[in-house]
Amino acid sequence: MSNTFLTPDILARRSLANLYELTVMLPLVYRDVSSDFGPQKVGNTVNVKRPPRFEATTFDRERGIVIQDTTESKIPVVLDTIADVSVEVTTEELTLDIENFDEQILRPAMEAISQKVDRDILSLRREVTQHCGAEPMDTGSGLAWENPENLIEAGRLLDINSVPAPGRRAVVGPTTKARWLGKPLLLHADKSNSTAALRQGSIGQQIVGFDAFWTQNVGQPAPNPALGDPTTEVGVAFHSTAFAFASAPMELPPGAEVFTVQYKGLSMRVAMDYDIRHKTTVISVDTLYGVKCLDPDRAVLLKGPHASAPAPAAEPATPPEGGTTPDDSTPAGTASATGKRTAGKDAPKAQAAA
């Protein structure tokens, strides 16, 4: 098949497919896929439909049914981030077939954007106050944070807050993943009959009620953490409705070939413009989005203890007046503080008499 110039619509569709495949966090959090936002500018606020929450009431025949309001179930999300990768390509590169162009340019660009999206969603951890893993486990070896059994306590905290069981996820970093691998809970995790097991970063399905994933974007602790900083990775166990992601197409700039595409709450824009000075084409791929914590009580941090101040050094014992130490002042033949008997100067004589 003869080569043809790649166009923005072809690149936009492939870029969106790559981004959705490469991100770990994006498919795990809530996205209002029912909304089709129009063109937006950075800083605009969109209203995302909140997942409905209803209360079951006891039916009273005289009173009748209780109508519960759903009209105000929307939350504002500020579209404050543009993730962008722009590259300059030659005419020869534009005549590559889509597979080669995808491998050489498009997929690496989407990897960069996907990492930024993951980090921004994970930044919502700062609003979560519940945590587990900082205390030693009652059974087993090591600390709770480095064992998948830590999820049992996370599940308990979510249960107390009446968080639904379906839709629970856990995301950890590479160190935690390495500690988890080979543990009995991971060896027996069921990955069968689920396409979710094939998702990017999956490390096990239904580990004590959580679908488990890992990503390097969780981040590592500082080599010498300051007082109050984490000493371990900070993973998170959460329900999908704890965090929200909203995306919208941006306005089309004049004088360039532009195409936008949307899929499952994610919008992607590709713009192409010819630079006559260098006889190259600039391709800009970007997405406008915002993230928000919907309910911090639907998430639990998975981490070890924070760095604490070192224990103060013990002060040396002050000798009593006269220059003798407490040990020197112990009468001969009496029990010392250690429970042993001390020998005075007459001890050899007593031994000889015996």
Protein backbone atom coordinates (compact mmCIF):
# COMPACT_ATOMS: atom_id res chain seq x y z
CA MET A 1 0.00 0.00 0.00
CA SER A 2 1.39 3.41 -0.95
CA ASN A 3 2.15 5.86 1.84
CA THR A 4 -0.14 8.84 2.38
CA PHE A 5 0.19 11.90 4.60
CA LEU A 6 -1.02 11.37 8.14
CA THR A 7 -3.85 13.72 9.06
CA PRO A 8 -5.00 15.13 12.44
CA ASP A 9 -8.08 12.90 12.61
CA ILE A 10 -5.99 9.74 12.18
CA LEU A 11 -3.45 10.90 14.76
CA ALA A 12 -6.12 12.02 17.23
CA ARG A 13 -7.89 8.67 17.25
CA ARG A 14 -4.66 6.75 17.64
CA SER A 15 -3.42 9.15 20.35
CA LEU A 16 -6.60 8.73 22.37
CA ALA A 17 -6.43 4.94 22.10
CA ASN A 18 -2.80 4.99 23.26
CA LEU A 19 -3.49 7.31 26.17
CA TYR A 20 -6.41 5.29 27.49
CA GLU A 21 -4.36 2.10 27.22
CA LEU A 22 -1.26 3.49 28.93
CA THR A 23 -2.79 5.26 31.93
CA VAL A 24 -3.29 3.27 35.12
CA MET A 25 -5.34 5.69 37.22
CA LEU A 26 -7.66 7.14 34.58
CA PRO A 27 -9.85 4.03 34.02
CA LEU A 28 -10.05 3.43 37.79
CA VAL A 29 -11.66 6.72 38.87
CA TYR A 30 -15.06 8.26 38.24
CA ARG A 31 -15.65 9.97 34.90
CA ASP A 32 -18.94 11.52 33.87
CA VAL A 33 -19.15 9.76 30.52
CA SER A 34 -22.74 10.96 30.04
CA SER A 35 -21.62 14.57 29.67
CA ASP A 36 -20.51 15.88 26.32
CA PHE A 37 -18.84 19.16 27.16
CA GLY A 38 -18.46 21.77 24.45
CA PRO A 39 -15.17 23.54 23.67
CA GLN A 40 -13.57 24.93 26.83
CA LYS A 41 -10.69 27.15 27.87
CA VAL A 42 -8.19 26.40 30.60
CA GLY A 43 -9.59 27.59 33.92
CA ASN A 44 -13.20 26.96 32.96
CA THR A 45 -15.43 25.05 35.38
CA VAL A 46 -17.65 22.20 34.24
CA ASN A 47 -20.36 20.49 36.26
CA VAL A 48 -19.78 16.78 36.52
CA LYS A 49 -22.73 14.59 37.40
CA ARG A 50 -22.12 13.07 40.83
CA PRO A 51 -22.82 9.35 41.20
CA PRO A 52 -26.28 9.17 42.82
CA ARG A 53 -26.58 8.22 46.47
CA PHE A 54 -29.97 7.33 47.80
CA GLU A 55 -31.34 6.34 51.19
CA ALA A 56 -33.76 3.45 51.63
CA THR A 57 -36.74 4.55 53.73
CA THR A 58 -39.48 2.55 55.40
CA PHE A 59 -42.68 2.77 53.38
CA ASP A 60 -45.60 4.35 55.17
CA ARG A 61 -48.91 3.81 53.38
CA GLU A 62 -50.49 6.92 54.86
CA ARG A 63 -47.53 9.14 53.99
CA GLY A 64 -46.81 7.46 50.68
CA ILE A 65 -43.45 7.19 48.95
CA VAL A 66 -40.60 9.63 49.55
CA ILE A 67 -39.26 11.24 46.39
CA GLN A 68 -35.49 11.76 46.63
CA ASP A 69 -33.93 14.68 44.82
CA THR A 70 -31.34 14.01 42.12
CA THR A 71 -31.37 17.38 40.37
CA GLU A 72 -28.50 18.81 42.46
CA SER A 73 -26.21 15.80 42.09
CA LYS A 74 -23.52 17.73 40.23
CA ILE A 75 -20.11 18.87 41.33
CA PRO A 76 -17.92 21.61 39.82
CA VAL A 77 -14.54 20.57 38.47
CA VAL A 78 -12.04 23.18 37.30
CA LEU A 79 -10.32 22.35 34.02
CA ASP A 80 -6.97 23.74 35.10
CA THR A 81 -4.44 21.49 33.36
CA ILE A 82 -3.31 21.12 29.77
CA ALA A 83 -1.07 18.11 29.22
CA ASP A 84 0.81 18.79 25.99
CA VAL A 85 3.45 17.14 23.85
CA SER A 86 4.52 18.98 20.70
CA VAL A 87 7.03 17.61 18.21
CA GLU A 88 8.54 18.72 14.94
CA VAL A 89 8.50 16.15 12.15
CA THR A 90 9.79 16.08 8.62
CA THR A 91 7.84 15.40 5.46
CA GLU A 92 9.44 11.97 5.28
CA GLU A 93 8.16 11.10 8.76
CA LEU A 94 4.66 12.23 7.83
CA THR A 95 4.62 9.75 4.97
CA LEU A 96 5.29 6.82 7.28
CA ASP A 97 2.46 4.39 7.75
CA ILE A 98 0.51 4.83 10.96
CA GLU A 99 2.05 1.81 12.69
CA ASN A 100 5.63 3.05 12.27
CA PHE A 101 4.67 6.64 13.15
CA ASP A 102 2.87 5.35 16.22
CA GLU A 103 5.89 3.36 17.38
CA GLN A 104 8.46 6.10 16.74
CA ILE A 105 6.62 9.25 17.81
CA LEU A 106 3.01 8.94 18.90
CA ARG A 107 3.22 6.26 21.58
CA PRO A 108 6.24 7.80 23.39
CA ALA A 109 4.37 11.12 23.40
CA MET A 110 1.30 9.49 24.93
CA GLU A 111 3.44 7.76 27.55
CA ALA A 112 4.56 11.19 28.75
CA ILE A 113 0.99 12.51 28.92
CA SER A 114 -0.31 9.35 30.62
CA GLN A 115 2.31 9.67 33.37
CA LYS A 116 1.28 13.26 34.00
CA VAL A 117 -2.40 12.30 34.17
CA ASP A 118 -1.59 9.49 36.63
CA ARG A 119 0.47 11.81 38.85
CA ASP A 120 -2.24 14.46 38.90
CA ILE A 121 -4.93 11.96 39.90
CA LEU A 122 -2.63 10.49 42.56
CA SER A 123 -2.04 14.00 43.94
CA LEU A 124 -5.58 13.77 45.36
CA ARG A 125 -4.13 11.48 48.04
CA ARG A 126 -3.26 14.64 50.01
CA GLU A 127 -6.97 15.03 50.88
CA VAL A 128 -7.29 11.49 52.29
CA THR A 129 -6.97 11.25 56.06
CA GLN A 130 -7.64 7.53 56.65
CA HIS A 131 -4.56 5.33 56.55
CA CYS A 132 -3.31 1.91 57.54
CA GLY A 133 0.01 0.12 57.51
CA ALA A 134 1.96 2.31 59.91
CA GLU A 135 1.54 -0.11 62.82
CA PRO A 136 3.17 -3.60 63.05
CA MET A 137 0.90 -6.46 62.12
CA ASP A 138 -0.38 -8.76 64.84
CA THR A 139 0.53 -11.83 62.81
CA GLY A 140 3.14 -12.56 60.21
CA SER A 141 6.47 -10.81 59.77
CA GLY A 142 7.37 -7.28 58.84
CA LEU A 143 5.20 -4.19 58.78
CA ALA A 144 1.67 -4.09 57.47
CA TRP A 145 2.49 -1.62 54.70
CA GLU A 146 4.67 -4.13 52.85
CA ASN A 147 2.17 -6.99 52.99
CA PRO A 148 -0.99 -7.34 50.90
CA GLU A 149 -2.81 -8.21 54.13
CA ASN A 150 -2.78 -4.44 54.67
CA LEU A 151 -5.79 -4.37 52.35
CA ILE A 152 -7.83 -6.23 54.96
CA GLU A 153 -7.62 -3.23 57.28
CA ALA A 154 -8.29 -0.85 54.38
CA GLY A 155 -11.41 -2.84 53.55
CA ARG A 156 -12.54 -2.63 57.17
CA LEU A 157 -12.28 1.15 57.16
CA LEU A 158 -14.27 1.38 53.93
CA ASP A 159 -16.87 -1.03 55.31
CA ILE A 160 -17.36 1.21 58.35
CA ASN A 161 -18.07 4.13 55.99
CA SER A 162 -20.64 2.02 54.08
CA VAL A 163 -18.58 2.13 50.88
CA PRO A 164 -19.93 -0.33 48.27
CA ALA A 165 -17.82 -3.44 47.74
CA PRO A 166 -17.98 -3.45 43.91
CA GLY A 167 -15.59 -0.93 42.41
CA ARG A 168 -12.84 -1.08 45.03
CA ARG A 169 -9.31 -0.64 43.71
CA ALA A 170 -5.81 -0.53 45.20
CA VAL A 171 -2.85 1.20 43.56
CA VAL A 172 0.69 0.83 44.90
CA GLY A 173 4.22 1.65 43.77
CA PRO A 174 7.03 -0.56 42.47
CA THR A 175 8.55 -1.24 45.89
CA THR A 176 5.25 -2.36 47.40
CA LYS A 177 4.51 -4.45 44.32
CA ALA A 178 7.89 -6.17 44.68
CA ARG A 179 7.19 -6.93 48.36
CA TRP A 180 3.72 -8.25 47.51
CA LEU A 181 4.77 -10.59 44.72
CA GLY A 182 5.15 -14.14 45.99
CA LYS A 183 2.92 -13.56 49.01
CA PRO A 184 0.13 -16.14 49.40
CA LEU A 185 -2.60 -13.58 48.69
CA LEU A 186 -0.98 -12.71 45.36
CA LEU A 187 -0.29 -16.31 44.41
CA HIS A 188 -3.95 -17.15 44.86
CA ALA A 189 -5.37 -13.97 43.34
CA ASP A 190 -7.93 -14.88 40.69
CA LYS A 191 -7.17 -13.34 37.30
CA SER A 192 -9.42 -15.63 35.35
CA ASN A 193 -12.61 -14.68 33.54
CA SER A 194 -11.81 -10.98 33.64
CA THR A 195 -10.48 -8.72 30.93
CA ALA A 196 -9.52 -6.25 33.66
CA ALA A 197 -6.57 -8.50 34.47
CA LEU A 198 -5.11 -7.50 31.13
CA ARG A 199 -5.21 -3.80 32.02
CA GLN A 200 -2.04 -1.78 32.28
CA GLY A 201 -0.37 -2.27 35.67
CA SER A 202 -2.62 -5.07 36.94
CA ILE A 203 -1.00 -7.24 39.61
CA GLY A 204 -3.99 -9.28 40.74
CA GLN A 205 -7.74 -9.41 40.75
CA GLN A 206 -9.86 -9.50 43.87
CA ILE A 207 -7.16 -9.43 46.53
CA VAL A 208 -9.44 -9.45 49.61
CA GLY A 209 -12.01 -7.46 47.66
CA PHE A 210 -9.72 -5.08 45.76
CA ASP A 211 -8.54 -5.04 42.15
CA ALA A 212 -4.82 -4.34 42.56
CA PHE A 213 -2.64 -2.23 40.26
CA TRP A 214 0.78 -0.63 40.39
CA THR A 215 2.41 2.38 38.79
CA GLN A 216 5.80 4.03 39.14
CA ASN A 217 3.95 7.35 39.45
CA VAL A 218 3.13 6.54 43.08
CA GLY A 219 6.61 7.90 43.82
CA GLN A 220 9.37 6.96 46.25
CA PRO A 221 10.11 8.42 49.68
CA ALA A 222 13.06 10.76 50.10
CA PRO A 223 16.39 9.04 50.97
CA ASN A 224 16.46 11.01 54.23
CA PRO A 225 12.85 12.00 54.90
CA ALA A 226 12.29 15.12 56.98
CA LEU A 227 10.26 15.04 60.17
CA GLY A 228 6.67 14.15 59.32
CA ASP A 229 7.43 12.99 55.76
CA PRO A 230 6.59 9.42 54.64
CA THR A 231 9.28 6.79 55.01
CA THR A 232 7.63 4.42 52.50
CA GLU A 233 5.64 4.58 49.32
CA VAL A 234 2.12 5.93 49.79
CA GLY A 235 -0.33 3.71 47.93
CA VAL A 236 -4.08 4.12 48.06
CA ALA A 237 -7.08 1.80 48.34
CA PHE A 238 -10.26 3.46 47.16
CA HIS A 239 -13.67 3.19 45.59
CA SER A 240 -14.00 4.49 42.05
CA THR A 241 -16.24 7.31 43.29
CA ALA A 242 -13.62 8.70 45.67
CA PHE A 243 -11.90 10.64 42.87
CA ALA A 244 -13.15 12.29 39.69
CA PHE A 245 -11.55 13.14 36.36
CA ALA A 246 -13.14 15.54 33.88
CA SER A 247 -11.93 16.38 30.39
CA ALA A 248 -13.27 18.60 27.63
CA PRO A 249 -12.22 19.57 24.09
CA MET A 250 -10.42 22.87 23.70
CA GLU A 251 -11.27 25.61 21.27
CA LEU A 252 -9.92 25.14 17.77
CA PRO A 253 -7.05 27.52 16.98
CA PRO A 254 -7.19 29.36 13.64
CA GLY A 255 -4.76 28.69 10.82
CA ALA A 256 -4.00 25.06 11.64
CA GLU A 257 -5.37 21.63 10.86
CA VAL A 258 -7.11 20.53 14.04
CA PHE A 259 -9.14 17.53 15.07
CA THR A 260 -10.64 16.60 18.44
CA VAL A 261 -11.96 13.25 19.60
CA GLN A 262 -13.67 12.07 22.82
CA TYR A 263 -13.95 8.64 24.40
CA LYS A 264 -15.19 7.55 27.85
CA GLY A 265 -14.89 11.02 29.36
CA LEU A 266 -11.48 11.75 27.85
CA SER A 267 -10.92 14.38 25.16
CA MET A 268 -7.88 14.67 22.89
CA ARG A 269 -6.89 17.39 20.42
CA VAL A 270 -4.30 17.16 17.64
CA ALA A 271 -3.18 20.27 15.75
CA MET A 272 -0.79 20.33 12.79
CA ASP A 273 0.87 23.41 11.33
CA TYR A 274 3.56 23.80 8.66
CA ASP A 275 6.69 25.77 9.57
CA ILE A 276 7.85 27.28 6.30
CA ARG A 277 11.11 28.53 7.81
CA HIS A 278 12.37 25.05 8.60
CA LYS A 279 10.19 23.15 6.12
CA THR A 280 8.87 20.93 8.90
CA THR A 281 5.48 20.25 10.41
CA VAL A 282 4.72 20.84 14.08
CA ILE A 283 2.33 18.31 15.62
CA SER A 284 0.80 19.27 18.96
CA VAL A 285 -1.13 16.69 20.98
CA ASP A 286 -2.89 17.92 24.11
CA THR A 287 -5.75 17.28 26.50
CA LEU A 288 -7.55 19.67 28.86
CA TYR A 289 -8.67 18.19 32.17
CA GLY A 290 -9.22 18.63 35.89
CA VAL A 291 -9.25 16.27 38.87
CA LYS A 292 -11.14 16.42 42.16
CA CYS A 293 -11.55 14.39 45.34
CA LEU A 294 -15.25 13.57 45.63
CA ASP A 295 -15.22 11.82 49.00
CA PRO A 296 -12.02 11.31 51.07
CA ASP A 297 -13.87 8.81 53.28
CA ARG A 298 -13.99 6.45 50.30
CA ALA A 299 -10.19 6.12 50.21
CA VAL A 300 -7.49 4.79 52.54
CA LEU A 301 -3.76 5.46 52.29
CA LEU A 302 -1.48 2.39 52.28
CA LYS A 303 1.80 3.43 53.86
CA GLY A 304 4.33 2.94 56.61
CA PRO A 305 5.05 5.39 59.45
CA HIS A 306 6.16 8.96 58.92
CA ALA A 307 9.62 10.06 59.91
CA SER A 308 9.80 10.92 63.60
CA ALA A 309 12.28 12.80 65.72
CA PRO A 310 15.05 10.65 67.24
CA ALA A 311 14.66 9.74 70.89
CA PRO A 312 16.61 12.10 73.19
CA ALA A 313 19.88 10.71 74.51
CA ALA A 314 19.82 9.54 78.12
CA GLU A 315 21.50 11.97 80.52
CA PRO A 316 24.48 10.54 82.47
CA ALA A 317 23.89 9.84 86.15
CA THR A 318 25.05 12.64 88.46
CA PRO A 319 27.48 11.39 91.12
CA PRO A 320 26.45 12.17 94.74
CA GLU A 321 28.41 14.62 96.85
CA GLY A 322 31.79 13.21 97.77
CA GLY A 323 32.71 12.08 94.28
CA THR A 324 31.47 8.50 94.52
CA THR A 325 29.10 6.88 92.08
CA PRO A 326 25.92 5.06 93.11
CA ASP A 327 27.69 1.73 92.58
CA ASP A 328 30.63 2.76 94.79
CA SER A 329 28.28 3.72 97.58
CA THR A 330 26.63 0.31 97.79
CA PRO A 331 27.48 -1.28 101.14
CA ALA A 332 29.67 -4.37 101.00
CA GLY A 333 27.82 -7.65 101.10
CA THR A 334 24.45 -6.16 100.10
CA ALA A 335 22.40 -6.55 96.93
CA SER A 336 23.12 -4.04 94.18
CA ALA A 337 20.59 -2.61 91.76
CA THR A 338 21.20 -5.56 89.44
CA GLY A 339 20.24 -8.09 92.10
CA LYS A 340 23.80 -9.42 92.48
CA ARG A 341 25.71 -9.39 95.74
CA THR A 342 28.81 -7.24 95.91
CA ALA A 343 31.95 -8.27 97.70
CA GLY A 344 33.48 -5.88 100.27
CA LYS A 345 37.08 -5.80 101.47
CA ASP A 346 36.41 -8.54 104.09
CA ALA A 347 35.10 -11.01 101.56
CA PRO A 348 38.38 -12.90 101.09
CA LYS A 349 38.59 -13.46 104.87
CA ALA A 350 35.09 -14.84 105.01
CA GLN A 351 35.84 -17.22 102.17
CA ALA A 352 39.01 -18.42 103.93
CA ALA A 353 37.09 -19.05 107.14
CA ALA A 354 34.58 -21.12 105.26
